[in-house]
Amino acid sequence: MRACRMVVLGLLVLMIVTGCAMRPKGTPGPACPAIDAAVTIDQPSERLEMLEEIATRRDLSENDQIYLVNAICGSGFSAGRANALVALLENPCCVEPAWEHVREKLKVTRLLGSDKRRVIDALLKRAAASQPAADED
């Protein structure tokens, strides 16, 4: 029983350290190969820098964005995660399913208070921008 727990713990640590990310179902987008390459980078800070750079691309499909959120939330440290998530949320191509996925991931991703606040602020800005303007008569 103890050996089984150690194996499971080892696998969890390996997933966290290597930045394992789940690809969403559906057709891979144009950025999927770049995300695949980024998650193999050993150094967490370098991995998140690459993911943040990908988050600014204008050709991200919905599938790319979901996969990118998974990769970001499974990588590195709080400030780097927040930077990459904010970069995605500020990208004009970011779609509602992606920012809803960010919102769900925030419930389980460990971020420091100020970093979490930056992501929440970006989510609120994104939600406000998607609301139709009120008619003024």
N, C-alpha and C. Protein backbone atom coordinates (compact mmCIF):
# COMPACT_ATOMS: atom_id res chain seq x y z
N MET A 1 0.83 -1.19 0.00
CA MET A 1 0.00 0.00 0.00
C MET A 1 0.87 1.26 0.00
N ARG A 2 1.90 1.25 0.83
CA ARG A 2 2.80 2.40 0.90
C ARG A 2 3.54 2.59 -0.42
N ALA A 3 3.95 1.50 -1.06
CA ALA A 3 4.66 1.59 -2.34
C ALA A 3 3.74 2.19 -3.40
N CYS A 4 2.47 1.84 -3.37
CA CYS A 4 1.51 2.38 -4.32
C CYS A 4 1.37 3.90 -4.13
N ARG A 5 1.29 4.35 -2.88
CA ARG A 5 1.20 5.78 -2.60
C ARG A 5 2.44 6.52 -3.09
N MET A 6 3.59 5.91 -2.93
CA MET A 6 4.84 6.54 -3.35
C MET A 6 4.88 6.67 -4.88
N VAL A 7 4.38 5.66 -5.58
CA VAL A 7 4.35 5.72 -7.05
C VAL A 7 3.41 6.83 -7.50
N VAL A 8 2.22 6.91 -6.90
CA VAL A 8 1.26 7.94 -7.26
C VAL A 8 1.84 9.32 -6.95
N LEU A 9 2.44 9.48 -5.79
CA LEU A 9 3.06 10.75 -5.42
C LEU A 9 4.16 11.11 -6.40
N GLY A 10 4.98 10.15 -6.78
CA GLY A 10 6.05 10.38 -7.74
C GLY A 10 5.52 10.84 -9.08
N LEU A 11 4.43 10.21 -9.54
CA LEU A 11 3.82 10.61 -10.81
C LEU A 11 3.24 12.03 -10.74
N LEU A 12 2.62 12.37 -9.62
CA LEU A 12 2.09 13.72 -9.46
C LEU A 12 3.21 14.76 -9.49
N VAL A 13 4.29 14.48 -8.78
CA VAL A 13 5.43 15.40 -8.78
C VAL A 13 6.00 15.54 -10.18
N LEU A 14 6.12 14.44 -10.89
CA LEU A 14 6.64 14.46 -12.26
C LEU A 14 5.75 15.31 -13.16
N MET A 15 4.43 15.17 -13.02
CA MET A 15 3.51 15.96 -13.84
C MET A 15 3.66 17.45 -13.54
N ILE A 16 3.81 17.80 -12.27
CA ILE A 16 3.94 19.21 -11.89
C ILE A 16 5.26 19.78 -12.39
N VAL A 17 6.33 19.05 -12.21
CA VAL A 17 7.66 19.52 -12.59
C VAL A 17 7.82 19.63 -14.10
N THR A 18 7.26 18.68 -14.84
CA THR A 18 7.44 18.70 -16.30
C THR A 18 6.37 19.50 -17.02
N GLY A 19 5.40 20.03 -16.29
CA GLY A 19 4.40 20.86 -16.93
C GLY A 19 3.44 20.08 -17.81
N CYS A 20 3.07 18.91 -17.40
CA CYS A 20 2.14 18.08 -18.16
C CYS A 20 0.84 18.84 -18.38
N ALA A 21 0.34 18.84 -19.59
CA ALA A 21 -0.90 19.54 -19.90
C ALA A 21 -1.78 18.65 -20.75
N MET A 22 -3.06 18.73 -20.49
CA MET A 22 -4.03 17.94 -21.24
C MET A 22 -4.50 18.73 -22.45
N ARG A 23 -4.45 18.07 -23.62
CA ARG A 23 -4.99 18.67 -24.83
C ARG A 23 -6.49 18.48 -24.83
N PRO A 24 -7.24 19.52 -25.19
CA PRO A 24 -8.69 19.34 -25.26
C PRO A 24 -9.07 18.49 -26.47
N LYS A 25 -10.26 17.93 -26.44
CA LYS A 25 -10.75 17.16 -27.58
C LYS A 25 -10.98 18.11 -28.75
N GLY A 26 -10.86 17.58 -29.93
CA GLY A 26 -11.11 18.38 -31.11
C GLY A 26 -9.86 18.53 -31.96
N THR A 27 -9.98 19.32 -32.99
CA THR A 27 -8.89 19.53 -33.94
C THR A 27 -7.83 20.42 -33.32
N PRO A 28 -6.57 19.97 -33.34
CA PRO A 28 -5.49 20.82 -32.81
C PRO A 28 -5.39 22.11 -33.63
N GLY A 29 -5.15 23.21 -32.95
CA GLY A 29 -5.00 24.49 -33.63
C GLY A 29 -3.57 24.71 -34.08
N PRO A 30 -3.31 25.85 -34.73
CA PRO A 30 -1.99 26.12 -35.27
C PRO A 30 -0.90 26.28 -34.20
N ALA A 31 -1.29 26.61 -32.97
CA ALA A 31 -0.29 26.80 -31.92
C ALA A 31 -0.01 25.54 -31.11
N CYS A 32 -0.76 24.47 -31.33
CA CYS A 32 -0.56 23.24 -30.54
C CYS A 32 0.88 22.72 -30.60
N PRO A 33 1.54 22.70 -31.76
CA PRO A 33 2.93 22.23 -31.77
C PRO A 33 3.85 23.11 -30.92
N ALA A 34 3.61 24.42 -30.92
CA ALA A 34 4.43 25.33 -30.11
C ALA A 34 4.18 25.08 -28.62
N ILE A 35 2.93 24.83 -28.25
CA ILE A 35 2.60 24.54 -26.85
C ILE A 35 3.23 23.21 -26.45
N ASP A 36 3.14 22.21 -27.34
CA ASP A 36 3.78 20.91 -27.08
C ASP A 36 5.27 21.10 -26.80
N ALA A 37 5.92 21.93 -27.61
CA ALA A 37 7.36 22.17 -27.44
C ALA A 37 7.62 22.89 -26.12
N ALA A 38 6.79 23.87 -25.80
CA ALA A 38 7.00 24.64 -24.57
C ALA A 38 6.89 23.78 -23.31
N VAL A 39 5.93 22.87 -23.27
CA VAL A 39 5.74 22.08 -22.05
C VAL A 39 6.88 21.09 -21.81
N THR A 40 7.74 20.90 -22.80
CA THR A 40 8.89 20.00 -22.61
C THR A 40 10.10 20.73 -22.05
N ILE A 41 10.05 22.05 -21.95
CA ILE A 41 11.17 22.82 -21.40
C ILE A 41 11.29 22.51 -19.92
N ASP A 42 12.50 22.13 -19.50
CA ASP A 42 12.72 21.70 -18.12
C ASP A 42 12.60 22.83 -17.09
N GLN A 43 13.11 23.99 -17.42
CA GLN A 43 13.13 25.11 -16.47
C GLN A 43 11.75 25.76 -16.42
N PRO A 44 11.06 25.74 -15.27
CA PRO A 44 9.70 26.29 -15.19
C PRO A 44 9.59 27.75 -15.63
N SER A 45 10.55 28.59 -15.27
CA SER A 45 10.45 30.00 -15.65
C SER A 45 10.58 30.17 -17.17
N GLU A 46 11.47 29.40 -17.79
CA GLU A 46 11.61 29.46 -19.25
C GLU A 46 10.36 28.91 -19.94
N ARG A 47 9.80 27.85 -19.36
CA ARG A 47 8.58 27.26 -19.92
C ARG A 47 7.45 28.29 -19.92
N LEU A 48 7.29 28.98 -18.79
CA LEU A 48 6.22 29.97 -18.70
C LEU A 48 6.48 31.18 -19.59
N GLU A 49 7.73 31.57 -19.77
CA GLU A 49 8.04 32.66 -20.70
C GLU A 49 7.60 32.28 -22.12
N MET A 50 7.89 31.05 -22.51
CA MET A 50 7.49 30.58 -23.83
C MET A 50 5.96 30.53 -23.94
N LEU A 51 5.29 30.04 -22.91
CA LEU A 51 3.83 29.97 -22.93
C LEU A 51 3.22 31.37 -22.96
N GLU A 52 3.83 32.32 -22.25
CA GLU A 52 3.35 33.70 -22.29
C GLU A 52 3.50 34.29 -23.69
N GLU A 53 4.62 33.99 -24.33
CA GLU A 53 4.83 34.46 -25.70
C GLU A 53 3.76 33.88 -26.64
N ILE A 54 3.47 32.60 -26.47
CA ILE A 54 2.43 31.95 -27.29
C ILE A 54 1.07 32.61 -27.03
N ALA A 55 0.82 32.99 -25.77
CA ALA A 55 -0.46 33.59 -25.40
C ALA A 55 -0.73 34.91 -26.12
N THR A 56 0.29 35.54 -26.67
CA THR A 56 0.10 36.81 -27.38
C THR A 56 -0.15 36.62 -28.87
N ARG A 57 -0.03 35.38 -29.36
CA ARG A 57 -0.25 35.13 -30.79
C ARG A 57 -1.70 35.43 -31.17
N ARG A 58 -1.89 35.98 -32.36
CA ARG A 58 -3.23 36.36 -32.82
C ARG A 58 -3.95 35.23 -33.54
N ASP A 59 -3.25 34.11 -33.79
CA ASP A 59 -3.86 33.02 -34.54
C ASP A 59 -4.31 31.86 -33.66
N LEU A 60 -4.49 32.11 -32.37
CA LEU A 60 -4.87 31.04 -31.45
C LEU A 60 -6.33 30.63 -31.66
N SER A 61 -6.52 29.35 -31.91
CA SER A 61 -7.89 28.83 -32.01
C SER A 61 -8.44 28.62 -30.60
N GLU A 62 -9.71 28.34 -30.51
CA GLU A 62 -10.30 28.04 -29.19
C GLU A 62 -9.59 26.85 -28.55
N ASN A 63 -9.32 25.82 -29.35
CA ASN A 63 -8.63 24.63 -28.86
C ASN A 63 -7.23 24.98 -28.34
N ASP A 64 -6.51 25.83 -29.08
CA ASP A 64 -5.19 26.30 -28.64
C ASP A 64 -5.29 26.98 -27.28
N GLN A 65 -6.29 27.83 -27.15
CA GLN A 65 -6.43 28.62 -25.93
C GLN A 65 -6.72 27.73 -24.71
N ILE A 66 -7.58 26.74 -24.87
CA ILE A 66 -7.89 25.82 -23.77
C ILE A 66 -6.63 25.03 -23.40
N TYR A 67 -5.94 24.52 -24.40
CA TYR A 67 -4.70 23.76 -24.18
C TYR A 67 -3.66 24.65 -23.50
N LEU A 68 -3.57 25.89 -23.92
CA LEU A 68 -2.61 26.82 -23.35
C LEU A 68 -2.92 27.08 -21.88
N VAL A 69 -4.18 27.26 -21.54
CA VAL A 69 -4.57 27.45 -20.13
C VAL A 69 -4.15 26.24 -19.31
N ASN A 70 -4.40 25.03 -19.84
CA ASN A 70 -4.00 23.81 -19.12
C ASN A 70 -2.48 23.79 -18.91
N ALA A 71 -1.74 24.15 -19.94
CA ALA A 71 -0.28 24.14 -19.86
C ALA A 71 0.22 25.17 -18.86
N ILE A 72 -0.36 26.37 -18.89
CA ILE A 72 0.05 27.43 -17.97
C ILE A 72 -0.23 27.03 -16.53
N CYS A 73 -1.41 26.52 -16.27
CA CYS A 73 -1.81 26.18 -14.90
C CYS A 73 -1.04 24.99 -14.35
N GLY A 74 -0.44 24.20 -15.22
CA GLY A 74 0.36 23.06 -14.78
C GLY A 74 1.84 23.34 -14.75
N SER A 75 2.23 24.61 -14.86
CA SER A 75 3.64 24.95 -14.98
C SER A 75 4.06 25.99 -13.95
N GLY A 76 5.30 25.88 -13.53
CA GLY A 76 6.02 26.96 -12.86
C GLY A 76 5.42 27.54 -11.61
N PHE A 77 5.67 28.83 -11.46
CA PHE A 77 5.38 29.54 -10.22
C PHE A 77 4.31 30.60 -10.42
N SER A 78 3.78 31.09 -9.34
CA SER A 78 2.62 31.97 -9.33
C SER A 78 2.72 33.17 -10.27
N ALA A 79 3.77 33.98 -10.15
CA ALA A 79 3.87 35.20 -10.96
C ALA A 79 3.94 34.87 -12.45
N GLY A 80 4.68 33.84 -12.82
CA GLY A 80 4.78 33.44 -14.21
C GLY A 80 3.46 32.95 -14.76
N ARG A 81 2.73 32.19 -13.96
CA ARG A 81 1.40 31.73 -14.38
C ARG A 81 0.48 32.91 -14.61
N ALA A 82 0.48 33.84 -13.66
CA ALA A 82 -0.38 35.01 -13.77
C ALA A 82 -0.04 35.83 -15.01
N ASN A 83 1.24 36.05 -15.26
CA ASN A 83 1.66 36.82 -16.44
C ASN A 83 1.13 36.18 -17.72
N ALA A 84 1.28 34.87 -17.83
CA ALA A 84 0.86 34.16 -19.03
C ALA A 84 -0.67 34.17 -19.17
N LEU A 85 -1.39 33.97 -18.09
CA LEU A 85 -2.85 34.00 -18.15
C LEU A 85 -3.37 35.38 -18.51
N VAL A 86 -2.78 36.42 -17.93
CA VAL A 86 -3.18 37.79 -18.25
C VAL A 86 -2.89 38.09 -19.72
N ALA A 87 -1.73 37.63 -20.21
CA ALA A 87 -1.39 37.85 -21.63
C ALA A 87 -2.45 37.22 -22.53
N LEU A 88 -2.90 36.03 -22.19
CA LEU A 88 -3.95 35.39 -22.99
C LEU A 88 -5.26 36.17 -22.90
N LEU A 89 -5.65 36.54 -21.69
CA LEU A 89 -6.93 37.25 -21.50
C LEU A 89 -6.93 38.62 -22.18
N GLU A 90 -5.77 39.23 -22.30
CA GLU A 90 -5.67 40.54 -22.96
C GLU A 90 -5.55 40.41 -24.48
N ASN A 91 -5.36 39.20 -24.97
CA ASN A 91 -5.25 38.97 -26.40
C ASN A 91 -6.63 39.13 -27.03
N PRO A 92 -6.76 39.97 -28.07
CA PRO A 92 -8.07 40.17 -28.70
C PRO A 92 -8.71 38.88 -29.25
N CYS A 93 -7.91 37.87 -29.54
CA CYS A 93 -8.48 36.63 -30.09
C CYS A 93 -9.01 35.70 -29.01
N CYS A 94 -8.84 36.05 -27.74
CA CYS A 94 -9.30 35.19 -26.63
C CYS A 94 -10.83 35.08 -26.67
N VAL A 95 -11.30 33.83 -26.69
CA VAL A 95 -12.74 33.57 -26.79
C VAL A 95 -13.34 33.22 -25.43
N GLU A 96 -14.65 33.37 -25.33
CA GLU A 96 -15.34 33.14 -24.06
C GLU A 96 -15.07 31.77 -23.44
N PRO A 97 -15.09 30.67 -24.21
CA PRO A 97 -14.80 29.38 -23.58
C PRO A 97 -13.40 29.33 -22.93
N ALA A 98 -12.45 30.06 -23.48
CA ALA A 98 -11.10 30.09 -22.90
C ALA A 98 -11.11 30.85 -21.58
N TRP A 99 -11.76 32.00 -21.55
CA TRP A 99 -11.74 32.71 -20.27
C TRP A 99 -12.62 32.06 -19.22
N GLU A 100 -13.63 31.34 -19.65
CA GLU A 100 -14.40 30.54 -18.69
C GLU A 100 -13.53 29.40 -18.14
N HIS A 101 -12.68 28.84 -18.99
CA HIS A 101 -11.76 27.78 -18.55
C HIS A 101 -10.75 28.35 -17.56
N VAL A 102 -10.27 29.56 -17.79
CA VAL A 102 -9.37 30.22 -16.84
C VAL A 102 -10.08 30.36 -15.50
N ARG A 103 -11.33 30.81 -15.54
CA ARG A 103 -12.10 30.99 -14.30
C ARG A 103 -12.20 29.67 -13.52
N GLU A 104 -12.47 28.58 -14.22
CA GLU A 104 -12.56 27.27 -13.56
C GLU A 104 -11.20 26.83 -13.00
N LYS A 105 -10.15 27.05 -13.78
CA LYS A 105 -8.81 26.64 -13.35
C LYS A 105 -8.35 27.45 -12.14
N LEU A 106 -8.80 28.69 -12.00
CA LEU A 106 -8.40 29.50 -10.85
C LEU A 106 -8.84 28.88 -9.54
N LYS A 107 -9.90 28.09 -9.58
CA LYS A 107 -10.40 27.44 -8.37
C LYS A 107 -9.43 26.39 -7.85
N VAL A 108 -8.60 25.82 -8.73
CA VAL A 108 -7.72 24.73 -8.33
C VAL A 108 -6.23 25.03 -8.52
N THR A 109 -5.92 26.17 -9.14
CA THR A 109 -4.52 26.51 -9.39
C THR A 109 -4.02 27.39 -8.25
N ARG A 110 -2.85 27.05 -7.75
CA ARG A 110 -2.29 27.82 -6.65
C ARG A 110 -1.61 29.08 -7.18
N LEU A 111 -2.17 30.22 -6.80
CA LEU A 111 -1.60 31.52 -7.13
C LEU A 111 -1.56 32.35 -5.85
N LEU A 112 -0.53 33.18 -5.71
CA LEU A 112 -0.47 34.10 -4.59
C LEU A 112 -1.59 35.12 -4.74
N GLY A 113 -1.97 35.74 -3.64
CA GLY A 113 -3.09 36.68 -3.65
C GLY A 113 -3.00 37.76 -4.71
N SER A 114 -1.86 38.44 -4.80
CA SER A 114 -1.73 39.53 -5.77
C SER A 114 -1.75 39.01 -7.21
N ASP A 115 -1.17 37.84 -7.44
CA ASP A 115 -1.18 37.25 -8.77
C ASP A 115 -2.59 36.83 -9.16
N LYS A 116 -3.29 36.22 -8.22
CA LYS A 116 -4.67 35.80 -8.48
C LYS A 116 -5.54 37.03 -8.77
N ARG A 117 -5.29 38.11 -8.04
CA ARG A 117 -6.05 39.35 -8.24
C ARG A 117 -5.85 39.90 -9.64
N ARG A 118 -4.60 39.85 -10.15
CA ARG A 118 -4.32 40.33 -11.51
C ARG A 118 -5.10 39.52 -12.54
N VAL A 119 -5.16 38.21 -12.34
CA VAL A 119 -5.91 37.36 -13.28
C VAL A 119 -7.40 37.65 -13.19
N ILE A 120 -7.91 37.80 -11.99
CA ILE A 120 -9.33 38.11 -11.80
C ILE A 120 -9.66 39.46 -12.44
N ASP A 121 -8.79 40.46 -12.26
CA ASP A 121 -9.01 41.77 -12.88
C ASP A 121 -9.06 41.65 -14.40
N ALA A 122 -8.16 40.84 -14.97
CA ALA A 122 -8.16 40.63 -16.42
C ALA A 122 -9.44 39.92 -16.87
N LEU A 123 -9.92 38.97 -16.07
CA LEU A 123 -11.18 38.29 -16.38
C LEU A 123 -12.35 39.28 -16.36
N LEU A 124 -12.38 40.13 -15.35
CA LEU A 124 -13.45 41.12 -15.24
C LEU A 124 -13.42 42.10 -16.41
N LYS A 125 -12.23 42.51 -16.80
CA LYS A 125 -12.07 43.42 -17.94
C LYS A 125 -12.56 42.75 -19.22
N ARG A 126 -12.20 41.47 -19.38
CA ARG A 126 -12.60 40.71 -20.57
C ARG A 126 -14.12 40.57 -20.60
N ALA A 127 -14.73 40.25 -19.45
CA ALA A 127 -16.18 40.09 -19.39
C ALA A 127 -16.89 41.41 -19.69
N ALA A 128 -16.38 42.50 -19.14
CA ALA A 128 -16.97 43.81 -19.38
C ALA A 128 -16.89 44.21 -20.85
N ALA A 129 -15.75 43.88 -21.47
CA ALA A 129 -15.56 44.22 -22.89
C ALA A 129 -16.49 43.42 -23.79
N SER A 130 -16.93 42.26 -23.34
CA SER A 130 -17.79 41.43 -24.18
C SER A 130 -19.27 41.79 -24.05
N GLN A 131 -19.59 42.63 -23.04
CA GLN A 131 -20.98 43.06 -22.84
C GLN A 131 -21.35 44.11 -23.87
N PRO A 132 -22.54 44.01 -24.45
CA PRO A 132 -22.96 45.05 -25.40
C PRO A 132 -23.13 46.39 -24.68
N ALA A 133 -22.76 47.44 -25.35
CA ALA A 133 -22.88 48.77 -24.75
C ALA A 133 -24.35 49.11 -24.55
N ALA A 134 -24.65 49.76 -23.44
CA ALA A 134 -26.03 50.16 -23.16
C ALA A 134 -26.41 51.33 -24.06
N ASP A 135 -27.61 51.27 -24.58
CA ASP A 135 -28.09 52.36 -25.44
C ASP A 135 -28.39 53.59 -24.59
N GLU A 136 -27.89 54.70 -25.03
CA GLU A 136 -28.17 55.95 -24.33
C GLU A 136 -29.14 56.74 -25.19
N ASP A 137 -30.27 57.09 -24.59
CA ASP A 137 -31.29 57.87 -25.33
C ASP A 137 -31.28 59.29 -24.93
